[in-house]
Amino acid sequence: MKAIRVKKTGGPEVLEMEEIPDPKADHGQVVVRVFAAGVNPVDTYIRSGNYPLNLVFPYTPGIDGAGIIQAISPDVEGNIKKGLYSSLTKDLKVGSRVYIAGSLSGTYAQLALCEISQVYPLPDDISFSQGAGINVPYVTAYRALFNKAYAGPGQWLLIHGASGGVGTALLQLARSRGLRIIGTAGTQKGQQLVKDLGADYVLNHLENDYLNKIRDITKGKGVKVIIEMLANKNLQNDLSILALHGVVVIVGSRGTIEIDPRLLMSNEGTVKGILNLKIPEEESYQVHSAIASGLKNHIINPIIRKEIPLTNASEAHTLIMQEGAYGKIVLLP
């Protein structure tokens, strides 16, 4: 099969297409024919060596994907027939449409080797490209909103960078729970997308007065929940508009920042972080159960920015790190 391989850490240029042996399903495993692979900022952090992983070279990048189950190990097939798996995977078989939530071999390839616990049913009305945009964005969004911030109806929510993959996921989930949403984006196209997805207010975070506008919108009380995509740039500003007992959840950061802790003291606020590598198995099941319900009820509808051939993976890694996030970037093997 064809796959992207990384032989050393570095820039996008270290992503190379190679022909490697097809993976085989062993105990507890399935092989998925990948029709789309999701590209996430974390993929670039791993590639460049700026992520807490012990890499073994060469490796195939990619956490997210979608496709069709091509092979299932005999023990998995037997356990499915015995009803030993959860309701999410009990009906999976060769030919089933699935989205991938992590893999053993990487998803930037024509085939991906996965544990049975890493594949979930993909409804017929969700395309493979959309399926490749489910795992990281929606798991991150759900955990940030509900498992970290305990966000609830009527609360003011600021999505700082709402036009990207995680941002659009947050918008869809938050609207379904009745939050009052302020979304920011740095381009007119991104702002229109945020508006179309139901934000109550849309602001440009590149404008100097956007923080004052947030204070005016909330009548000086501040925002109860802030989901932050670029903490190294925005965290200090977030703390200045946080409501009493408010929560900032950091889902992305590309460096360090100096903050004034007195701002946290004055509003008795909380700052939390998310690293999906640390998600417990029980929480993972809970989150993917919620995603299954969201897909069934048409709450979840991934927005695709661009489809790029797998051979041009370096282009995808360059594009995703540029300003002006808009939906999800996927690779097509």
Protein backbone atom coordinates (compact mmCIF):
# COMPACT_ATOMS: atom_id res chain seq x y z
CA MET A 1 0.00 0.00 0.00
CA LYS A 2 0.95 3.66 -0.31
CA ALA A 3 1.56 5.60 2.89
CA ILE A 4 3.16 8.81 4.09
CA ARG A 5 6.30 8.09 6.12
CA VAL A 6 8.32 10.28 8.46
CA LYS A 7 11.95 9.25 9.02
CA LYS A 8 13.01 12.19 11.19
CA THR A 9 11.45 15.19 12.88
CA GLY A 10 11.32 18.39 10.90
CA GLY A 11 9.16 20.58 8.68
CA PRO A 12 6.46 19.50 6.21
CA GLU A 13 9.17 18.39 3.79
CA VAL A 14 9.88 15.27 5.90
CA LEU A 15 6.51 13.81 4.83
CA GLU A 16 7.36 11.29 2.10
CA MET A 17 5.16 8.92 0.12
CA GLU A 18 6.35 5.31 0.12
CA GLU A 19 5.15 1.83 -0.76
CA ILE A 20 5.01 -0.36 2.37
CA PRO A 21 3.49 -3.78 3.18
CA ASP A 22 -0.23 -4.01 3.86
CA PRO A 23 -1.08 -4.36 7.58
CA LYS A 24 -2.64 -7.60 8.84
CA ALA A 25 -5.30 -7.81 11.53
CA ASP A 26 -4.04 -9.67 14.63
CA HIS A 27 -5.80 -10.27 17.95
CA GLY A 28 -8.32 -7.53 18.75
CA GLN A 29 -7.63 -5.68 15.48
CA VAL A 30 -9.28 -4.59 12.24
CA VAL A 31 -7.90 -3.22 8.98
CA VAL A 32 -9.69 -0.21 7.50
CA ARG A 33 -9.52 0.81 3.86
CA VAL A 34 -8.99 4.56 4.31
CA PHE A 35 -10.94 6.86 1.99
CA ALA A 36 -10.10 10.06 3.87
CA ALA A 37 -7.60 10.98 6.58
CA GLY A 38 -8.12 13.96 8.86
CA VAL A 39 -5.32 16.51 9.29
CA ASN A 40 -4.99 18.08 12.74
CA PRO A 41 -2.56 20.64 14.17
CA VAL A 42 -1.36 17.95 16.57
CA ASP A 43 -0.09 15.99 13.55
CA THR A 44 2.30 18.85 12.82
CA TYR A 45 3.43 19.07 16.45
CA ILE A 46 4.25 15.35 16.45
CA ARG A 47 6.05 15.60 13.09
CA SER A 48 8.21 18.48 14.32
CA GLY A 49 9.05 16.74 17.61
CA ASN A 50 7.11 19.23 19.77
CA TYR A 51 4.76 16.75 21.42
CA PRO A 52 5.14 14.37 24.39
CA LEU A 53 5.54 11.16 22.38
CA ASN A 54 8.43 8.72 22.07
CA LEU A 55 8.51 8.41 18.29
CA VAL A 56 9.80 5.30 16.56
CA PHE A 57 11.01 6.08 13.04
CA PRO A 58 9.88 5.68 10.39
CA TYR A 59 6.23 6.18 11.23
CA THR A 60 3.01 7.01 9.40
CA PRO A 61 1.23 10.12 10.73
CA GLY A 62 -2.47 10.52 11.31
CA ILE A 63 -4.96 9.97 14.12
CA ASP A 64 -8.26 10.51 12.29
CA GLY A 65 -9.75 8.88 9.24
CA ALA A 66 -12.77 7.20 7.70
CA GLY A 67 -13.34 4.26 5.42
CA ILE A 68 -14.58 0.70 5.19
CA ILE A 69 -13.52 -2.28 7.29
CA GLN A 70 -11.52 -4.56 5.02
CA ALA A 71 -10.51 -7.28 7.50
CA ILE A 72 -11.33 -8.35 11.05
CA SER A 73 -9.26 -10.70 13.20
CA PRO A 74 -11.06 -13.99 14.01
CA ASP A 75 -11.20 -13.28 17.75
CA VAL A 76 -12.85 -9.91 17.17
CA GLU A 77 -15.36 -11.46 14.79
CA GLY A 78 -16.16 -14.15 17.34
CA ASN A 79 -16.53 -11.68 20.20
CA ILE A 80 -18.85 -9.50 18.11
CA LYS A 81 -21.07 -12.52 17.46
CA LYS A 82 -21.09 -13.29 21.19
CA GLY A 83 -22.16 -9.73 21.98
CA LEU A 84 -19.06 -9.03 24.09
CA TYR A 85 -18.47 -5.54 22.75
CA SER A 86 -20.23 -2.27 23.45
CA SER A 87 -23.34 -1.16 21.60
CA LEU A 88 -21.15 1.14 19.50
CA THR A 89 -19.22 -1.71 17.86
CA LYS A 90 -21.54 -4.72 18.17
CA ASP A 91 -22.72 -4.56 14.54
CA LEU A 92 -19.37 -3.95 12.85
CA LYS A 93 -18.34 -6.35 10.09
CA VAL A 94 -16.28 -6.47 6.91
CA GLY A 95 -17.74 -3.76 4.68
CA SER A 96 -18.96 -1.53 7.51
CA ARG A 97 -18.48 2.22 7.11
CA VAL A 98 -16.48 3.58 10.07
CA TYR A 99 -14.68 6.63 11.36
CA ILE A 100 -11.28 6.12 12.97
CA ALA A 101 -10.38 7.44 16.42
CA GLY A 102 -6.67 6.70 16.59
CA SER A 103 -4.86 3.80 14.97
CA LEU A 104 -1.92 1.49 15.46
CA SER A 105 -0.32 2.24 12.09
CA GLY A 106 -1.33 5.83 11.22
CA THR A 107 -4.11 7.04 8.94
CA TYR A 108 -2.10 8.88 6.24
CA ALA A 109 -2.22 5.67 4.19
CA GLN A 110 -4.44 3.53 2.01
CA LEU A 111 -4.93 1.07 4.88
CA ALA A 112 -4.95 1.58 8.65
CA LEU A 113 -4.54 -1.03 11.37
CA CYS A 114 -6.77 -0.31 14.36
CA GLU A 115 -7.89 -1.82 17.63
CA ILE A 116 -11.60 -2.62 17.55
CA SER A 117 -12.02 0.12 20.18
CA GLN A 118 -10.65 2.68 17.70
CA VAL A 119 -13.37 2.35 15.04
CA TYR A 120 -16.96 3.55 15.23
CA PRO A 121 -19.94 3.33 12.85
CA LEU A 122 -20.24 6.09 10.25
CA PRO A 123 -23.81 6.84 9.10
CA ASP A 124 -24.54 6.65 5.38
CA ASP A 125 -25.44 10.34 5.19
CA ILE A 126 -21.98 11.42 6.45
CA SER A 127 -19.29 11.40 3.75
CA PHE A 128 -15.91 9.80 4.32
CA SER A 129 -14.28 13.24 4.27
CA GLN A 130 -16.69 14.37 6.98
CA GLY A 131 -16.02 11.14 8.87
CA ALA A 132 -12.32 11.97 8.87
CA GLY A 133 -13.25 15.22 10.63
CA ILE A 134 -15.05 13.64 13.57
CA ASN A 135 -12.62 12.25 16.13
CA VAL A 136 -10.17 14.95 17.25
CA PRO A 137 -12.50 17.96 16.69
CA TYR A 138 -15.61 16.52 18.33
CA VAL A 139 -13.89 14.59 21.12
CA THR A 140 -11.97 17.76 21.99
CA ALA A 141 -15.07 19.93 21.77
CA TYR A 142 -17.24 17.61 23.86
CA ARG A 143 -14.63 17.12 26.56
CA ALA A 144 -13.86 20.84 26.74
CA LEU A 145 -17.49 21.93 26.99
CA PHE A 146 -19.06 19.26 29.13
CA ASN A 147 -16.37 17.23 30.91
CA LYS A 148 -14.06 20.14 31.78
CA ALA A 149 -16.15 23.33 31.81
CA TYR A 150 -19.52 21.72 32.71
CA ALA A 151 -21.15 24.21 30.33
CA GLY A 152 -24.91 24.51 30.57
CA PRO A 153 -27.90 26.26 28.97
CA GLY A 154 -27.97 30.03 29.15
CA GLN A 155 -24.29 30.46 29.99
CA TRP A 156 -22.11 32.79 27.95
CA LEU A 157 -19.54 30.86 25.92
CA LEU A 158 -16.62 32.39 24.04
CA ILE A 159 -15.10 30.22 21.32
CA HIS A 160 -11.81 31.94 20.61
CA GLY A 161 -11.14 30.83 17.04
CA ALA A 162 -14.51 29.38 16.08
CA SER A 163 -14.09 28.81 12.35
CA GLY A 164 -11.67 25.86 12.45
CA GLY A 165 -12.31 22.15 12.91
CA VAL A 166 -12.63 22.22 16.71
CA GLY A 167 -14.36 25.60 16.64
CA THR A 168 -17.13 24.46 14.31
CA ALA A 169 -17.57 21.31 16.39
CA LEU A 170 -17.92 23.48 19.49
CA LEU A 171 -20.53 25.64 17.79
CA GLN A 172 -22.68 22.67 16.85
CA LEU A 173 -22.50 21.04 20.28
CA ALA A 174 -23.03 24.31 22.15
CA ARG A 175 -26.10 25.26 20.10
CA SER A 176 -27.64 21.87 20.87
CA ARG A 177 -27.32 22.60 24.62
CA GLY A 178 -28.69 26.14 24.57
CA LEU A 179 -25.56 28.13 25.36
CA ARG A 180 -25.25 31.78 24.38
CA ILE A 181 -22.29 31.90 22.02
CA ILE A 182 -19.72 34.52 21.10
CA GLY A 183 -17.49 33.22 18.33
CA THR A 184 -14.41 34.88 16.91
CA ALA A 185 -12.66 34.49 13.56
CA GLY A 186 -9.96 36.45 11.77
CA THR A 187 -11.40 36.52 8.24
CA GLN A 188 -14.73 37.57 6.72
CA LYS A 189 -15.24 34.08 5.34
CA GLY A 190 -14.60 32.55 8.76
CA GLN A 191 -16.90 35.05 10.46
CA GLN A 192 -19.70 34.22 8.03
CA LEU A 193 -19.26 30.50 8.76
CA VAL A 194 -19.44 31.15 12.50
CA LYS A 195 -22.63 33.17 11.98
CA ASP A 196 -24.16 30.49 9.75
CA LEU A 197 -23.48 27.86 12.43
CA GLY A 198 -25.55 29.79 14.93
CA ALA A 199 -23.30 31.99 17.05
CA ASP A 200 -25.25 34.75 18.76
CA TYR A 201 -22.41 37.22 18.22
CA VAL A 202 -19.47 37.07 15.81
CA LEU A 203 -16.34 39.15 16.40
CA ASN A 204 -12.96 39.61 14.72
CA HIS A 205 -10.24 38.81 17.27
CA LEU A 206 -7.75 40.77 15.15
CA GLU A 207 -9.54 44.04 15.94
CA ASN A 208 -8.22 46.02 18.89
CA ASP A 209 -11.59 46.58 20.57
CA TYR A 210 -13.03 43.06 20.44
CA LEU A 211 -12.53 42.57 24.20
CA ASN A 212 -14.58 45.69 24.96
CA LYS A 213 -17.29 44.40 22.66
CA ILE A 214 -17.42 41.18 24.70
CA ARG A 215 -17.74 43.21 27.91
CA ASP A 216 -20.61 45.15 26.35
CA ILE A 217 -22.37 42.00 25.13
CA THR A 218 -22.21 40.42 28.59
CA LYS A 219 -23.15 43.71 30.28
CA GLY A 220 -19.85 43.78 32.09
CA LYS A 221 -20.29 40.40 33.77
CA GLY A 222 -17.87 38.54 31.51
CA VAL A 223 -17.93 35.11 29.92
CA LYS A 224 -18.62 31.99 31.96
CA VAL A 225 -16.81 29.55 29.65
CA ILE A 226 -13.95 30.28 27.25
CA ILE A 227 -12.55 27.64 24.90
CA GLU A 228 -9.08 28.73 23.81
CA MET A 229 -7.33 27.50 20.65
CA LEU A 230 -4.18 29.62 20.93
CA ALA A 231 -3.42 30.11 24.61
CA ASN A 232 0.11 31.40 24.06
CA LYS A 233 -1.41 34.46 22.39
CA ASN A 234 -4.79 34.94 24.08
CA LEU A 235 -4.78 33.58 27.64
CA GLN A 236 -4.06 36.88 29.36
CA ASN A 237 -6.90 38.53 27.42
CA ASP A 238 -9.20 35.63 28.26
CA LEU A 239 -8.62 36.12 31.98
CA SER A 240 -9.55 39.80 31.67
CA ILE A 241 -13.07 38.96 30.42
CA LEU A 242 -13.75 35.87 32.50
CA ALA A 243 -16.92 35.93 34.62
CA LEU A 244 -17.03 35.18 38.33
CA HIS A 245 -16.21 31.48 38.82
CA GLY A 246 -15.62 31.21 35.08
CA VAL A 247 -13.54 28.55 33.33
CA VAL A 248 -10.98 28.76 30.54
CA VAL A 249 -10.31 25.45 28.80
CA ILE A 250 -7.12 25.35 26.74
CA VAL A 251 -7.32 23.06 23.73
CA GLY A 252 -4.41 24.54 21.81
CA SER A 253 -1.15 26.42 22.42
CA ARG A 254 2.02 26.94 20.42
CA GLY A 255 4.31 28.36 23.06
CA THR A 256 4.51 30.14 26.40
CA ILE A 257 2.80 33.22 27.78
CA GLU A 258 3.10 35.44 30.85
CA ILE A 259 -0.17 36.00 32.73
CA ASP A 260 -1.29 38.00 35.75
CA PRO A 261 -2.56 35.47 38.35
CA ARG A 262 -4.43 38.25 40.15
CA LEU A 263 -6.99 38.18 37.36
CA LEU A 264 -7.78 34.57 38.28
CA MET A 265 -7.93 35.51 41.95
CA SER A 266 -10.32 38.40 41.36
CA ASN A 267 -12.91 36.26 39.62
CA GLU A 268 -12.04 33.00 41.37
CA GLY A 269 -11.62 31.53 37.92
CA THR A 270 -10.17 28.27 36.72
CA VAL A 271 -7.88 27.35 33.85
CA LYS A 272 -7.96 23.76 32.61
CA GLY A 273 -6.18 21.95 29.81
CA ILE A 274 -6.99 19.05 27.51
CA LEU A 275 -4.65 16.43 26.07
CA ASN A 276 -6.64 13.68 24.37
CA LEU A 277 -3.74 11.27 24.78
CA LYS A 278 -4.71 11.18 28.47
CA ILE A 279 -8.39 10.33 27.98
CA PRO A 280 -9.48 7.35 30.14
CA GLU A 281 -11.21 4.42 28.43
CA GLU A 282 -14.50 5.00 30.24
CA GLU A 283 -14.57 8.67 29.26
CA SER A 284 -13.72 7.77 25.67
CA TYR A 285 -16.73 5.46 25.51
CA GLN A 286 -18.95 8.18 26.97
CA VAL A 287 -17.77 10.78 24.46
CA HIS A 288 -18.11 8.54 21.41
CA SER A 289 -21.58 7.49 22.60
CA ALA A 290 -22.52 11.18 22.63
CA ILE A 291 -21.00 11.59 19.16
CA ALA A 292 -23.05 8.65 17.89
CA SER A 293 -26.19 10.33 19.19
CA GLY A 294 -25.16 13.65 17.63
CA LEU A 295 -24.62 11.98 14.26
CA LYS A 296 -27.98 10.21 14.46
CA ASN A 297 -29.82 13.41 15.39
CA HIS A 298 -27.97 15.53 12.79
CA ILE A 299 -26.39 17.76 15.43
CA ILE A 300 -22.93 16.83 14.19
CA ASN A 301 -22.12 17.86 10.64
CA PRO A 302 -18.35 18.30 10.04
CA ILE A 303 -17.38 21.22 7.82
CA ILE A 304 -14.75 20.41 5.19
CA ARG A 305 -12.44 23.19 4.07
CA LYS A 306 -10.33 21.34 1.52
CA GLU A 307 -9.63 17.85 0.22
CA ILE A 308 -5.98 17.29 -0.72
CA PRO A 309 -4.42 14.21 -2.36
CA LEU A 310 -2.33 12.11 0.03
CA THR A 311 0.72 12.72 -2.14
CA ASN A 312 0.49 16.41 -1.16
CA ALA A 313 0.46 15.85 2.60
CA SER A 314 3.14 18.52 3.05
CA GLU A 315 0.75 21.09 1.55
CA ALA A 316 -1.89 20.11 4.11
CA HIS A 317 0.58 20.51 6.99
CA THR A 318 1.57 23.95 5.73
CA LEU A 319 -2.02 25.09 5.22
CA ILE A 320 -3.32 23.99 8.60
CA MET A 321 -0.77 26.12 10.45
CA GLN A 322 -1.65 29.31 8.58
CA GLU A 323 -4.03 31.94 9.93
CA GLY A 324 -7.63 31.97 8.74
CA ALA A 325 -8.83 28.55 9.92
CA TYR A 326 -11.95 27.33 8.15
CA GLY A 327 -13.35 23.85 8.78
CA LYS A 328 -11.40 20.65 8.33
CA ILE A 329 -8.58 19.68 5.97
CA VAL A 330 -8.55 16.05 4.80
CA LEU A 331 -6.21 13.89 2.74
CA LEU A 332 -7.54 11.53 0.08
CA PRO A 333 -5.40 8.36 -0.39
